[in-house]
C-alpha atoms as a PDB file:
ATOM      1  CA  MET A   1     -23.924  41.471  -0.038  1.00  0.00           C
ATOM      2  CA  ARG A   2     -20.164  41.848   0.463  1.00  0.00           C
ATOM      3  CA  LEU A   3     -20.450  40.160   3.816  1.00  0.00           C
ATOM      4  CA  LEU A   4     -22.252  37.206   2.248  1.00  0.00           C
ATOM      5  CA  VAL A   5     -19.603  36.870  -0.490  1.00  0.00           C
ATOM      6  CA  LEU A   6     -16.815  37.093   2.103  1.00  0.00           C
ATOM      7  CA  LEU A   7     -18.551  34.494   4.255  1.00  0.00           C
ATOM      8  CA  LEU A   8     -18.987  32.136   1.282  1.00  0.00           C
ATOM      9  CA  LEU A   9     -15.343  32.569   0.212  1.00  0.00           C
ATOM     10  CA  THR A  10     -14.191  31.836   3.773  1.00  0.00           C
ATOM     11  CA  LEU A  11     -16.371  28.744   3.876  1.00  0.00           C
ATOM     12  CA  LEU A  12     -15.033  27.616   0.488  1.00  0.00           C
ATOM     13  CA  ALA A  13     -11.433  28.099   1.650  1.00  0.00           C
ATOM     14  CA  ALA A  14     -12.073  26.106   4.834  1.00  0.00           C
ATOM     15  CA  LEU A  15     -13.665  23.265   2.871  1.00  0.00           C
ATOM     16  CA  GLN A  16     -10.839  23.237   0.339  1.00  0.00           C
ATOM     17  CA  TYR A  17      -8.297  23.080   3.165  1.00  0.00           C
ATOM     18  CA  ARG A  18     -10.063  20.062   4.659  1.00  0.00           C
ATOM     19  CA  LEU A  19     -10.374  18.442   1.258  1.00  0.00           C
ATOM     20  CA  TRP A  20      -6.684  18.683   0.372  1.00  0.00           C
ATOM     21  CA  LEU A  21      -4.827  18.854   3.696  1.00  0.00           C
ATOM     22  CA  GLY A  22      -7.150  17.866   6.546  1.00  0.00           C
ATOM     23  CA  GLN A  23      -8.140  14.556   8.056  1.00  0.00           C
ATOM     24  CA  HIS A  24      -9.398  12.026   5.458  1.00  0.00           C
ATOM     25  CA  SER A  25      -8.054  14.253   2.698  1.00  0.00           C
ATOM     26  CA  VAL A  26      -7.277  13.477  -0.915  1.00  0.00           C
ATOM     27  CA  MET A  27      -3.593  13.153  -0.009  1.00  0.00           C
ATOM     28  CA  GLU A  28      -4.381  10.445   2.542  1.00  0.00           C
ATOM     29  CA  TYR A  29      -6.585   8.707  -0.031  1.00  0.00           C
ATOM     30  CA  TRP A  30      -3.723   8.580  -2.530  1.00  0.00           C
ATOM     31  CA  ALA A  31      -1.307   7.321   0.129  1.00  0.00           C
ATOM     32  CA  HIS A  32      -3.737   4.576   1.154  1.00  0.00           C
ATOM     33  CA  LYS A  33      -4.326   3.669  -2.479  1.00  0.00           C
ATOM     34  CA  THR A  34      -0.594   3.147  -3.157  1.00  0.00           C
ATOM     35  CA  GLU A  35      -0.204   1.235   0.112  1.00  0.00           C
ATOM     36  CA  LEU A  36      -3.116  -0.999  -0.884  1.00  0.00           C
ATOM     37  CA  ALA A  37      -1.527  -1.696  -4.269  1.00  0.00           C
ATOM     38  CA  LYS A  38       1.745  -2.707  -2.570  1.00  0.00           C
ATOM     39  CA  MET A  39      -0.081  -4.995  -0.161  1.00  0.00           C
ATOM     40  CA  GLU A  40      -2.052  -6.625  -2.979  1.00  0.00           C
ATOM     41  CA  GLN A  41       1.191  -7.286  -4.843  1.00  0.00           C
ATOM     42  CA  GLN A  42       2.721  -8.828  -1.704  1.00  0.00           C
ATOM     43  CA  ASN A  43      -0.397 -10.966  -1.279  1.00  0.00           C
ATOM     44  CA  GLU A  44      -0.057 -12.260  -4.847  1.00  0.00           C
ATOM     45  CA  VAL A  45       3.551 -13.282  -4.195  1.00  0.00           C
ATOM     46  CA  LEU A  46       2.617 -14.970  -0.932  1.00  0.00           C
ATOM     47  CA  THR A  47      -0.345 -16.728  -2.557  1.00  0.00           C
ATOM     48  CA  LYS A  48       1.935 -18.186  -5.242  1.00  0.00           C
ATOM     49  CA  ARG A  49       4.389 -19.322  -2.563  1.00  0.00           C
ATOM     50  CA  ASN A  50       1.586 -20.910  -0.557  1.00  0.00           C
ATOM     51  CA  LYS A  51       0.362 -22.812  -3.625  1.00  0.00           C
ATOM     52  CA  LEU A  52       3.861 -24.174  -4.225  1.00  0.00           C
ATOM     53  CA  LEU A  53       4.217 -25.220  -0.600  1.00  0.00           C
ATOM     54  CA  LYS A  54       0.783 -26.835  -0.601  1.00  0.00           C
ATOM     55  CA  ALA A  55       1.663 -28.811  -3.741  1.00  0.00           C
ATOM     56  CA  ASP A  56       4.932 -29.879  -2.118  1.00  0.00           C
ATOM     57  CA  VAL A  57       3.138 -31.048   1.030  1.00  0.00           C
ATOM     58  CA  THR A  58       0.564 -32.950  -1.007  1.00  0.00           C
ATOM     59  CA  ASP A  59       3.320 -34.583  -3.035  1.00  0.00           C
ATOM     60  CA  LEU A  60       5.127 -35.634   0.136  1.00  0.00           C
ATOM     61  CA  GLN A  61       1.937 -37.027   1.648  1.00  0.00           C
ATOM     62  CA  ILE A  62       1.045 -39.065  -1.416  1.00  0.00           C
ATOM     63  CA  GLY A  63       4.202 -40.682  -2.679  1.00  0.00           C
ATOM     64  CA  LEU A  64       7.453 -42.068  -1.394  1.00  0.00           C
ATOM     65  CA  ASP A  65       9.232 -41.003  -4.589  1.00  0.00           C
ATOM     66  CA  ALA A  66       9.117 -37.372  -3.545  1.00  0.00           C
ATOM     67  CA  ILE A  67      10.516 -38.230  -0.123  1.00  0.00           C
ATOM     68  CA  GLU A  68      13.328 -40.248  -1.686  1.00  0.00           C
ATOM     69  CA  GLU A  69      14.127 -37.464  -4.144  1.00  0.00           C
ATOM     70  CA  ARG A  70      14.262 -34.873  -1.391  1.00  0.00           C
ATOM     71  CA  ALA A  71      16.496 -37.104   0.747  1.00  0.00           C
ATOM     72  CA  ARG A  72      18.880 -37.603  -2.162  1.00  0.00           C
ATOM     73  CA  ASN A  73      19.044 -33.971  -3.244  1.00  0.00           C
ATOM     74  CA  GLU A  74      18.951 -32.126   0.050  1.00  0.00           C
ATOM     75  CA  LEU A  75      20.534 -34.577   2.457  1.00  0.00           C
ATOM     76  CA  GLY A  76      22.862 -36.441   0.106  1.00  0.00           C
ATOM     77  CA  LEU A  77      21.545 -39.842   1.141  1.00  0.00           C
ATOM     78  CA  ILE A  78      22.085 -42.981  -0.921  1.00  0.00           C
ATOM     79  CA  ARG A  79      20.737 -46.507  -0.630  1.00  0.00           C
ATOM     80  CA  HIS A  80      22.819 -49.195   1.035  1.00  0.00           C
ATOM     81  CA  ASP A  81      23.315 -51.091  -2.241  1.00  0.00           C
ATOM     82  CA  GLU A  82      24.385 -48.044  -4.282  1.00  0.00           C
ATOM     83  CA  VAL A  83      27.835 -46.653  -4.961  1.00  0.00           C
ATOM     84  CA  PHE A  84      28.301 -42.905  -4.870  1.00  0.00           C
ATOM     85  CA  PHE A  85      30.859 -41.242  -7.134  1.00  0.00           C
ATOM     86  CA  ARG A  86      31.828 -37.612  -6.711  1.00  0.00           C
ATOM     87  CA  ILE A  87      33.535 -36.032  -9.696  1.00  0.00           C
ATOM     88  CA  ILE A  88      35.679 -33.067  -8.803  1.00  0.00           C
ATOM     89  CA  THR A  89      36.671 -30.734 -11.594  1.00  0.00           C
ATOM     90  CA  PRO A  90      40.161 -29.229 -11.356  1.00  0.00           C
ATOM     91  CA  LEU A  91      40.482 -25.556 -10.591  1.00  0.00           C
ATOM     92  CA  ASP A  92      41.779 -23.268 -13.298  1.00  0.00           C
ATOM     93  CA  LYS A  93      45.497 -22.712 -12.898  1.00  0.00           C
ATOM     94  CA  LYS A  94      46.697 -19.172 -13.269  1.00  0.00           C
END
């Protein structure tokens, strides 16, 4: 009877070791779960960015207004019949 109890306790200890510290353990499960949450959050950010880029591409494909606006804002272009004024504010004197 003692031998059977000792054998069962040894088996229980071995199974507990594998459960908590061995391969495919609870610790690995928790690590994978947090890694998955981080990746899902990154995917949400990238999905939002992709939607914005897709809307920008669609806007550029459809209308010339978006192209003109981008040329004015990003490249500083003006039409040949326009006059460009740059207003420079004075620096604070100390």
